[in-house]
Amino acid sequence: MSQPSLQRRLGLVQATALNMIDMVGIGPFVTLPLVMGFMGPNFLLAWLVGAALAAIDGLIWSELGAAYPEAGGSYRFLKLAYGEQSWGRYMSFLYVWQTLIQSPLVLASGAIGFAQYFGYLVPLTEWWQPKLVAGTVVLLLIVLLYRRIEDIGKLGVALWVGVLGLMGWLIVGGVTHPHHPVALFPAGGMGALPGLLLSAAMGQSAVKAIYSYLGYYNVCHLGAEIVNPQRVIPRSIFLSILGIAALYLLLNWSVGTVIPWQEVQAWQAGAGDKSQFIVSVFVERLYGPAAATAATGLVLLVAFASLFAVLLGYSRIPYAAAADGEFLPVFGKLHPTKQFPYVSLLLLGGVGFVFSLLFRLGEVISAILAMRILVQFVGQAVGLVLLRRRRGTASLPFKMPLFPLPVIVAIAVWLAVFWSIAPVEVNWGGLHFKLYFQLAALGMMALGTVAFLLWSRRLGRWPFATGRVGSA
């Protein structure tokens, strides 16, 4: 009897749809007022910076995804780049280790943001009510994803239509009801641009904007399920980035023409901050309370659609590692009839459920970026250079232009973003301290290193193997 395997059944439309709904989610609706608060009249610039980084990093993902279209995305890329029998085992293990934490954090961030906007429709006055809403969202996602991949692809396209419909409505509303001017570049002209890009405000804004762009690489996690991946993966990545960048810029411009940044900053400085429902307030000013209620419902639909794509993509990563014999074997199990990694889906969903009950949105966003940058984004960029040196470029289906400039820029910007993540004030039972997410990320890497060494020793593999280590 043959073992079940992943099937290539997702085309360009489905892959792009899953990418875009992953990217939108609740992110732009909850980070839009935060960026306005940091950047004032220059808030659009932060969204351009986020789009530029996504496009540069997208070149790295496109080259790797087209060349190695397998389940697991970064897990496979890191293993191949650093040596399948040596350092690649360590780097890919660290990535999977962090995925068990950071992917549920992503899930929790969307669920918490969902509960925040849900509070516009139904007041959540008790401390446990938002947590109940967030936890219920995660459980419903698990139920919906417990099915075949072709059914998920069709559902993803349907949700994508909802995403585009909401964004289009909001943009048209701003275009047809402009009141306040919005500038794309600083008032001081291009001469003021370098100082603004290097400012602390831009650093904080970039963290929020980049969070809203994350997901352009979701298709790489589904590499083993993509039809004609050598062409589809790069195209879906850049179609997603260009499409979402245009939508974000138009959305922010539209909201800014109706609700000026000065008003948003005034809200944030006082009690009863309306900026957490800024899209609802925006629609209410244009069309009235009934329309605002409908728009809030669509925001919730978009948030749910994004979480759908997030959990789908990340559930394939522990599966790929376990199928390789590099992680706990239980994660390598596919459902006997529906052919999807159900153990991985249930575990990540379960951890995401717990995180949605424990943490606040701002904390989760900072933790997500801190956990990803060093191993996944920086490690992967360096790994691409190593792969090119070792295997050459003749057989690459997609080659980034101007190599190695995009790699150098990506590494520099990612490290700058990592440094820019601000600490948060924590109060636990009278104990007051600052939580530095950079240290938390390094601590998780240290724990992952210990886990890797224990696992490798148990398997008798590198660095404990007595025989000669094979080449990658």
Protein backbone atom coordinates (compact mmCIF):
# COMPACT_ATOMS: atom_id res chain seq x y z
CA MET A 1 0.00 0.00 0.00
CA SER A 2 1.51 3.36 -1.06
CA GLN A 3 2.06 6.09 1.50
CA PRO A 4 0.01 9.30 1.10
CA SER A 5 1.94 12.27 -0.32
CA LEU A 6 1.39 15.97 -0.94
CA GLN A 7 -0.23 16.77 -4.30
CA ARG A 8 0.62 19.63 -6.72
CA ARG A 9 -2.80 21.20 -7.21
CA LEU A 10 -2.40 24.94 -6.49
CA GLY A 11 -2.00 27.23 -9.52
CA LEU A 12 -0.96 30.87 -9.87
CA VAL A 13 -4.36 32.33 -8.93
CA GLN A 14 -4.71 30.16 -5.83
CA ALA A 15 -1.09 30.70 -4.76
CA THR A 16 -1.36 34.48 -5.18
CA ALA A 17 -4.70 34.53 -3.37
CA LEU A 18 -3.29 32.62 -0.39
CA ASN A 19 -0.26 34.95 -0.30
CA MET A 20 -2.34 38.12 -0.41
CA ILE A 21 -4.86 37.13 2.24
CA ASP A 22 -1.93 36.07 4.42
CA MET A 23 -0.35 39.52 3.95
CA VAL A 24 -3.44 41.63 4.60
CA GLY A 25 -5.11 40.06 7.60
CA ILE A 26 -5.74 42.40 10.50
CA GLY A 27 -2.29 44.00 10.13
CA PRO A 28 -2.98 47.18 8.12
CA PHE A 29 -6.13 47.96 10.07
CA VAL A 30 -4.43 47.87 13.48
CA THR A 31 -1.02 49.23 12.45
CA LEU A 32 -2.31 52.09 10.27
CA PRO A 33 -3.04 54.40 13.24
CA LEU A 34 0.19 53.35 14.98
CA VAL A 35 2.24 54.41 11.95
CA MET A 36 0.30 57.69 11.78
CA GLY A 37 1.10 58.30 15.42
CA PHE A 38 4.83 57.73 14.92
CA MET A 39 5.31 59.44 11.54
CA GLY A 40 2.72 62.25 11.52
CA PRO A 41 2.43 63.77 8.02
CA ASN A 42 5.00 61.32 6.61
CA PHE A 43 3.09 58.13 7.43
CA LEU A 44 2.86 57.00 3.79
CA LEU A 45 6.66 56.85 3.62
CA ALA A 46 6.77 54.01 6.16
CA TRP A 47 4.54 51.88 3.92
CA LEU A 48 6.86 52.53 0.97
CA VAL A 49 9.82 51.40 3.09
CA GLY A 50 7.97 48.22 4.04
CA ALA A 51 7.14 47.51 0.39
CA ALA A 52 10.75 48.09 -0.68
CA LEU A 53 12.08 45.63 1.90
CA ALA A 54 9.45 43.05 0.92
CA ALA A 55 10.42 43.40 -2.76
CA ILE A 56 14.15 43.06 -2.06
CA ASP A 57 13.66 40.09 0.24
CA GLY A 58 11.18 38.67 -2.28
CA LEU A 59 14.04 38.27 -4.75
CA ILE A 60 15.75 35.93 -2.28
CA TRP A 61 12.58 33.92 -1.69
CA SER A 62 11.83 33.73 -5.43
CA GLU A 63 15.25 32.37 -6.34
CA LEU A 64 15.21 29.79 -3.56
CA GLY A 65 11.54 28.86 -3.97
CA ALA A 66 11.79 28.31 -7.72
CA ALA A 67 14.98 26.25 -7.40
CA TYR A 68 13.81 24.11 -4.46
CA PRO A 69 9.98 23.88 -4.54
CA GLU A 70 9.41 21.55 -1.61
CA ALA A 71 7.26 21.57 1.51
CA GLY A 72 8.76 23.56 4.36
CA GLY A 73 10.11 26.69 2.66
CA SER A 74 12.92 28.10 4.79
CA TYR A 75 13.48 24.75 6.48
CA ARG A 76 14.63 23.23 3.19
CA PHE A 77 16.48 26.34 2.05
CA LEU A 78 18.58 26.58 5.23
CA LYS A 79 19.37 22.88 5.25
CA LEU A 80 20.58 22.89 1.65
CA ALA A 81 22.49 26.14 1.99
CA TYR A 82 24.55 25.28 5.07
CA GLY A 83 25.08 21.56 4.38
CA GLU A 84 22.53 18.79 4.77
CA GLN A 85 24.77 16.69 7.02
CA SER A 86 26.38 19.46 9.07
CA TRP A 87 25.54 23.11 9.79
CA GLY A 88 22.45 22.91 7.62
CA ARG A 89 20.96 20.47 10.10
CA TYR A 90 21.56 22.97 12.89
CA MET A 91 20.17 26.01 11.02
CA SER A 92 17.08 24.19 9.77
CA PHE A 93 16.46 22.72 13.24
CA LEU A 94 16.63 26.21 14.75
CA TYR A 95 14.14 27.45 12.18
CA VAL A 96 11.66 24.66 12.92
CA TRP A 97 12.23 25.14 16.64
CA GLN A 98 11.37 28.83 16.35
CA THR A 99 8.43 28.04 14.07
CA LEU A 100 6.81 26.14 16.91
CA ILE A 101 6.74 29.48 18.76
CA GLN A 102 6.67 32.26 16.18
CA SER A 103 3.96 30.81 13.91
CA PRO A 104 1.52 30.50 16.83
CA LEU A 105 2.49 34.09 17.69
CA VAL A 106 1.41 35.14 14.19
CA LEU A 107 -1.81 33.23 14.66
CA ALA A 108 -2.36 34.88 18.04
CA SER A 109 -1.68 38.38 16.67
CA GLY A 110 -4.43 38.02 14.10
CA ALA A 111 -6.85 36.51 16.60
CA ILE A 112 -6.18 39.28 19.14
CA GLY A 113 -6.63 41.94 16.45
CA PHE A 114 -9.86 40.21 15.40
CA ALA A 115 -11.13 40.46 18.97
CA GLN A 116 -10.12 44.14 19.10
CA TYR A 117 -12.26 45.02 16.07
CA PHE A 118 -15.05 42.71 17.22
CA GLY A 119 -15.29 44.98 20.24
CA TYR A 120 -16.64 47.72 17.94
CA LEU A 121 -19.67 45.56 17.17
CA VAL A 122 -20.16 44.01 20.62
CA PRO A 123 -18.67 45.84 23.61
CA LEU A 124 -16.24 43.53 25.42
CA THR A 125 -16.18 45.02 28.88
CA GLU A 126 -14.87 42.08 30.91
CA TRP A 127 -11.17 41.16 30.73
CA TRP A 128 -11.93 37.60 29.61
CA GLN A 129 -14.30 38.47 26.77
CA PRO A 130 -11.67 39.50 24.16
CA LYS A 131 -9.70 36.37 25.04
CA LEU A 132 -12.80 34.22 24.52
CA VAL A 133 -13.32 35.74 21.07
CA ALA A 134 -9.65 35.28 20.08
CA GLY A 135 -9.54 31.68 21.29
CA THR A 136 -12.76 30.81 19.47
CA VAL A 137 -11.32 32.18 16.21
CA VAL A 138 -8.27 29.90 16.47
CA LEU A 139 -10.40 26.82 17.17
CA LEU A 140 -12.64 27.55 14.19
CA LEU A 141 -9.58 27.86 11.93
CA ILE A 142 -8.38 24.41 12.94
CA VAL A 143 -11.77 22.95 12.06
CA LEU A 144 -11.83 24.63 8.62
CA LEU A 145 -8.30 23.54 7.73
CA TYR A 146 -8.92 19.91 8.61
CA ARG A 147 -9.56 18.96 4.97
CA ARG A 148 -8.01 18.32 1.51
CA ILE A 149 -5.69 20.90 -0.08
CA GLU A 150 -7.77 21.39 -3.27
CA ASP A 151 -10.80 22.31 -1.17
CA ILE A 152 -8.60 24.80 0.73
CA GLY A 153 -7.40 26.36 -2.53
CA LYS A 154 -10.99 27.04 -3.63
CA LEU A 155 -11.89 28.47 -0.24
CA GLY A 156 -8.76 30.64 -0.34
CA VAL A 157 -9.83 32.23 -3.65
CA ALA A 158 -13.29 32.94 -2.23
CA LEU A 159 -11.76 34.65 0.80
CA TRP A 160 -9.41 36.60 -1.50
CA VAL A 161 -12.45 38.09 -3.25
CA GLY A 162 -13.66 39.29 0.14
CA VAL A 163 -10.27 40.90 0.84
CA LEU A 164 -10.25 42.79 -2.47
CA GLY A 165 -13.86 43.83 -2.02
CA LEU A 166 -13.23 45.39 1.38
CA MET A 167 -10.06 47.19 0.32
CA GLY A 168 -11.74 48.48 -2.84
CA TRP A 169 -14.69 49.85 -0.86
CA LEU A 170 -12.46 51.67 1.59
CA ILE A 171 -10.26 53.13 -1.14
CA VAL A 172 -13.21 54.34 -3.25
CA GLY A 173 -14.70 55.95 -0.15
CA GLY A 174 -11.56 58.00 0.43
CA VAL A 175 -11.14 58.91 -3.22
CA THR A 176 -14.71 60.19 -3.51
CA HIS A 177 -14.72 62.03 -0.16
CA PRO A 178 -11.32 63.73 0.22
CA HIS A 179 -11.03 66.51 2.81
CA HIS A 180 -7.42 66.75 3.98
CA PRO A 181 -4.22 66.74 1.89
CA VAL A 182 -1.83 63.80 2.29
CA ALA A 183 1.82 64.04 1.20
CA LEU A 184 3.88 61.11 -0.07
CA PHE A 185 7.27 62.73 0.61
CA PRO A 186 8.43 64.99 3.49
CA ALA A 187 7.70 68.71 3.39
CA GLY A 188 11.42 69.46 3.43
CA GLY A 189 11.87 67.80 0.03
CA MET A 190 14.27 65.02 -0.92
CA GLY A 191 17.00 66.62 1.23
CA ALA A 192 15.02 65.75 4.35
CA LEU A 193 14.55 62.13 3.28
CA PRO A 194 17.82 60.60 4.61
CA GLY A 195 17.33 62.01 8.10
CA LEU A 196 13.73 60.84 8.19
CA LEU A 197 14.64 57.32 7.05
CA LEU A 198 17.24 57.03 9.83
CA SER A 199 15.01 58.46 12.56
CA ALA A 200 13.74 56.53 15.58
CA ALA A 201 10.17 57.20 14.45
CA MET A 202 10.86 55.49 11.13
CA GLY A 203 12.40 52.53 12.95
CA GLN A 204 9.26 52.00 15.04
CA SER A 205 6.98 52.63 12.06
CA ALA A 206 8.95 50.23 9.86
CA VAL A 207 8.49 47.45 12.41
CA LYS A 208 4.70 47.92 12.25
CA ALA A 209 4.58 48.30 8.46
CA ILE A 210 6.80 45.29 7.80
CA TYR A 211 4.60 43.18 10.06
CA SER A 212 1.70 44.04 7.75
CA TYR A 213 3.65 42.94 4.65
CA LEU A 214 4.79 39.59 6.06
CA GLY A 215 3.37 36.65 4.14
CA TYR A 216 4.63 37.33 0.60
CA TYR A 217 6.65 34.11 0.93
CA ASN A 218 3.76 31.90 2.11
CA VAL A 219 3.75 30.13 -1.26
CA CYS A 220 7.25 28.76 -0.55
CA HIS A 221 5.93 26.82 2.44
CA LEU A 222 3.51 25.11 0.03
CA GLY A 223 6.19 24.43 -2.60
CA ALA A 224 5.37 20.71 -2.86
CA GLU A 225 1.73 21.56 -3.61
CA ILE A 226 2.30 24.20 -6.35
CA VAL A 227 1.76 23.40 -10.03
CA ASN A 228 4.73 24.45 -12.25
CA PRO A 229 6.51 25.97 -9.22
CA GLN A 230 9.53 27.28 -11.18
CA ARG A 231 7.25 29.89 -12.77
CA VAL A 232 4.36 30.15 -10.33
CA ILE A 233 6.36 30.80 -7.13
CA PRO A 234 8.30 33.91 -8.29
CA ARG A 235 5.25 35.33 -10.07
CA SER A 236 2.95 34.84 -7.10
CA ILE A 237 5.48 36.47 -4.75
CA PHE A 238 5.84 39.65 -6.81
CA LEU A 239 2.19 39.86 -7.80
CA SER A 240 1.39 39.66 -4.09
CA ILE A 241 3.89 42.36 -3.10
CA LEU A 242 2.92 44.78 -5.87
CA GLY A 243 -0.79 44.25 -5.32
CA ILE A 244 -0.65 44.63 -1.55
CA ALA A 245 1.71 47.64 -1.69
CA ALA A 246 -0.73 49.44 -4.00
CA LEU A 247 -3.67 48.56 -1.76
CA TYR A 248 -1.88 49.67 1.42
CA LEU A 249 -0.79 53.01 -0.04
CA LEU A 250 -4.25 53.74 -1.41
CA LEU A 251 -5.91 52.64 1.83
CA ASN A 252 -3.67 54.84 3.98
CA TRP A 253 -4.08 57.79 1.63
CA SER A 254 -7.86 57.36 1.64
CA VAL A 255 -8.11 57.17 5.44
CA GLY A 256 -5.69 60.09 5.84
CA THR A 257 -7.79 62.36 3.63
CA VAL A 258 -10.84 61.80 5.86
CA ILE A 259 -9.19 61.39 9.29
CA PRO A 260 -6.09 63.63 9.48
CA TRP A 261 -3.03 62.41 11.28
CA GLN A 262 -3.32 65.23 13.82
CA GLU A 263 -6.67 63.83 14.97
CA VAL A 264 -5.25 60.32 15.26
CA GLN A 265 -2.41 61.56 17.45
CA ALA A 266 -4.91 63.46 19.62
CA TRP A 267 -6.95 60.27 20.08
CA GLN A 268 -3.87 58.34 21.11
CA ALA A 269 -2.91 60.99 23.68
CA GLY A 270 -6.31 60.95 25.41
CA ALA A 271 -8.79 58.52 26.92
CA GLY A 272 -11.11 56.37 24.81
CA ASP A 273 -8.70 55.94 21.89
CA LYS A 274 -10.81 55.63 18.72
CA SER A 275 -7.80 54.82 16.56
CA GLN A 276 -8.08 51.12 17.39
CA PHE A 277 -11.27 51.19 15.27
CA ILE A 278 -9.99 53.65 12.70
CA VAL A 279 -11.50 51.87 9.69
CA SER A 280 -14.88 51.70 11.40
CA VAL A 281 -14.72 55.41 12.29
CA PHE A 282 -13.62 56.19 8.73
CA VAL A 283 -16.63 54.44 7.19
CA GLU A 284 -18.99 55.87 9.81
CA ARG A 285 -17.96 59.41 8.83
CA LEU A 286 -18.57 58.70 5.17
CA TYR A 287 -21.69 56.55 5.19
CA GLY A 288 -23.09 56.35 8.72
CA PRO A 289 -23.24 53.76 11.55
CA ALA A 290 -24.91 50.98 9.53
CA ALA A 291 -22.18 51.05 6.90
CA ALA A 292 -19.53 51.16 9.64
CA THR A 293 -20.99 48.00 11.13
CA ALA A 294 -20.84 46.28 7.73
CA ALA A 295 -17.25 47.44 7.17
CA THR A 296 -16.21 46.13 10.57
CA GLY A 297 -17.71 42.77 9.64
CA LEU A 298 -15.63 42.74 6.46
CA VAL A 299 -12.48 43.62 8.43
CA LEU A 300 -13.17 40.59 10.58
CA LEU A 301 -13.63 38.46 7.46
CA VAL A 302 -10.28 39.63 6.08
CA ALA A 303 -8.55 38.94 9.40
CA PHE A 304 -10.01 35.47 9.49
CA ALA A 305 -8.99 34.80 5.87
CA SER A 306 -5.40 35.77 6.63
CA LEU A 307 -5.18 33.49 9.64
CA PHE A 308 -6.54 30.72 7.44
CA ALA A 309 -3.57 31.11 5.07
CA VAL A 310 -1.07 31.51 7.94
CA LEU A 311 -1.98 28.28 9.70
CA LEU A 312 -2.14 26.43 6.38
CA GLY A 313 1.40 27.43 5.36
CA TYR A 314 3.14 27.01 8.70
CA SER A 315 1.61 23.61 9.40
CA ARG A 316 3.74 22.26 6.51
CA ILE A 317 7.08 23.23 8.11
CA PRO A 318 7.33 20.75 11.03
CA TYR A 319 5.91 18.14 8.66
CA ALA A 320 8.73 18.67 6.17
CA ALA A 321 11.37 18.47 8.92
CA ALA A 322 9.89 15.30 10.39
CA ALA A 323 9.56 13.68 6.97
CA ASP A 324 13.30 14.37 6.56
CA GLY A 325 14.06 12.61 9.84
CA GLU A 326 15.24 15.89 11.39
CA PHE A 327 12.39 16.45 13.83
CA LEU A 328 10.03 14.44 15.99
CA PRO A 329 8.52 11.68 13.79
CA VAL A 330 4.98 12.39 14.95
CA PHE A 331 5.00 15.63 12.93
CA GLY A 332 5.61 13.66 9.73
CA LYS A 333 2.23 11.95 9.77
CA LEU A 334 -0.30 12.73 7.02
CA HIS A 335 -4.00 12.16 7.44
CA PRO A 336 -4.68 8.69 5.95
CA THR A 337 -7.55 9.84 3.69
CA LYS A 338 -7.34 13.65 3.45
CA GLN A 339 -3.52 13.72 2.94
CA PHE A 340 -2.50 16.75 5.02
CA PRO A 341 -0.15 17.04 8.05
CA TYR A 342 -2.80 16.91 10.73
CA VAL A 343 -0.50 16.54 13.75
CA SER A 344 1.41 19.70 12.82
CA LEU A 345 -1.84 21.56 12.20
CA LEU A 346 -3.30 20.58 15.57
CA LEU A 347 -0.15 21.40 17.57
CA LEU A 348 0.50 24.84 16.03
CA GLY A 349 -3.16 25.69 16.27
CA GLY A 350 -3.24 24.59 19.90
CA VAL A 351 -0.21 26.70 20.85
CA GLY A 352 -1.70 29.65 18.97
CA PHE A 353 -4.87 29.21 21.01
CA VAL A 354 -2.87 29.45 24.25
CA PHE A 355 -0.92 32.53 23.06
CA SER A 356 -4.15 34.27 22.04
CA LEU A 357 -5.26 34.01 25.68
CA LEU A 358 -1.99 35.20 27.23
CA PHE A 359 -0.54 38.14 25.27
CA ARG A 360 -1.35 41.65 24.02
CA LEU A 361 -1.19 42.67 20.37
CA GLY A 362 1.81 45.04 20.56
CA GLU A 363 3.88 42.47 22.41
CA VAL A 364 3.06 39.77 19.87
CA ILE A 365 4.00 41.94 16.85
CA SER A 366 7.42 42.79 18.30
CA ALA A 367 8.06 39.18 19.33
CA ILE A 368 7.19 37.90 15.84
CA LEU A 369 9.81 40.05 14.11
CA ALA A 370 12.47 39.48 16.76
CA MET A 371 12.04 35.70 16.49
CA ARG A 372 12.23 35.60 12.69
CA ILE A 373 14.93 37.98 11.62
CA LEU A 374 18.25 36.34 12.55
CA VAL A 375 17.61 32.72 11.58
CA GLN A 376 15.04 33.01 8.84
CA PHE A 377 15.64 36.27 6.98
CA VAL A 378 19.34 36.99 7.61
CA GLY A 379 20.32 33.31 7.73
CA GLN A 380 18.47 32.61 4.50
CA ALA A 381 20.05 35.57 2.68
CA VAL A 382 23.53 34.39 3.64
CA GLY A 383 22.53 30.85 2.68
CA LEU A 384 21.60 31.90 -0.84
CA VAL A 385 25.15 33.21 -1.37
CA LEU A 386 26.55 29.90 -0.12
CA LEU A 387 24.31 27.91 -2.46
CA ARG A 388 25.33 29.98 -5.48
CA ARG A 389 29.02 29.46 -4.70
CA ARG A 390 28.64 25.73 -4.20
CA ARG A 391 26.13 24.81 -6.91
CA GLY A 392 26.47 27.61 -9.44
CA THR A 393 23.66 29.45 -11.22
CA ALA A 394 23.33 27.62 -14.53
CA SER A 395 20.34 25.54 -13.44
CA LEU A 396 18.46 28.26 -11.53
CA PRO A 397 14.94 28.80 -12.93
CA PHE A 398 14.92 32.34 -11.50
CA LYS A 399 17.97 34.54 -10.92
CA MET A 400 17.77 37.78 -9.00
CA PRO A 401 19.06 40.86 -10.84
CA LEU A 402 22.09 42.82 -9.60
CA PHE A 403 23.34 40.01 -7.38
CA PRO A 404 24.71 40.34 -4.66
CA LEU A 405 23.38 43.88 -4.05
CA PRO A 406 19.82 42.79 -3.05
CA VAL A 407 21.27 40.29 -0.57
CA ILE A 408 23.55 42.91 1.03
CA VAL A 409 20.72 45.45 1.28
CA ALA A 410 18.30 42.87 2.71
CA ILE A 411 20.75 41.78 5.43
CA ALA A 412 21.55 45.38 6.41
CA VAL A 413 17.90 46.42 6.61
CA TRP A 414 16.80 43.32 8.52
CA LEU A 415 19.53 43.89 11.12
CA ALA A 416 18.46 47.54 11.42
CA VAL A 417 14.86 46.44 11.98
CA PHE A 418 15.99 43.92 14.60
CA TRP A 419 17.84 46.68 16.45
CA SER A 420 14.84 49.02 16.20
CA ILE A 421 12.40 46.75 18.04
CA ALA A 422 11.57 48.64 21.20
CA PRO A 423 11.26 46.98 24.64
CA VAL A 424 7.94 46.89 26.50
CA GLU A 425 7.19 47.70 30.12
CA VAL A 426 6.12 44.62 32.09
CA ASN A 427 4.44 44.53 35.49
CA TRP A 428 4.04 41.11 37.08
CA GLY A 429 2.74 41.17 40.64
CA GLY A 430 4.54 44.39 41.48
CA LEU A 431 7.73 43.33 39.68
CA HIS A 432 8.54 46.00 37.09
CA PHE A 433 11.03 45.54 34.27
CA LYS A 434 11.59 46.02 30.54
CA LEU A 435 11.25 43.07 28.19
CA TYR A 436 13.78 43.19 25.34
CA PHE A 437 12.56 41.03 22.49
CA GLN A 438 16.04 40.79 20.99
CA LEU A 439 17.24 39.04 24.15
CA ALA A 440 14.17 36.81 24.14
CA ALA A 441 14.94 35.78 20.54
CA LEU A 442 18.57 35.03 21.40
CA GLY A 443 17.39 33.04 24.41
CA MET A 444 15.12 30.92 22.23
CA MET A 445 18.05 30.31 19.88
CA ALA A 446 20.13 29.16 22.85
CA LEU A 447 17.40 26.76 23.98
CA GLY A 448 17.06 25.52 20.41
CA THR A 449 20.80 24.87 20.29
CA VAL A 450 20.58 22.75 23.43
CA ALA A 451 17.60 20.85 22.01
CA PHE A 452 19.47 20.28 18.74
CA LEU A 453 22.52 18.90 20.51
CA LEU A 454 20.41 16.53 22.60
CA TRP A 455 18.46 15.40 19.54
CA SER A 456 21.62 14.90 17.45
CA ARG A 457 23.30 12.96 20.22
CA ARG A 458 20.29 10.67 20.46
CA LEU A 459 20.40 10.07 16.70
CA GLY A 460 24.19 9.77 16.58
CA ARG A 461 24.44 12.45 13.93
CA TRP A 462 26.60 15.55 13.39
CA PRO A 463 28.27 16.90 15.46
CA PHE A 464 28.36 13.60 17.39
CA ALA A 465 28.76 11.26 14.40
CA THR A 466 31.95 9.20 14.55
CA GLY A 467 32.14 8.65 10.81
CA ARG A 468 33.02 11.13 8.12
CA VAL A 469 30.39 13.78 7.48
CA GLY A 470 29.09 13.69 3.92
CA SER A 471 29.10 16.76 1.73
CA ALA A 472 25.95 18.74 1.03
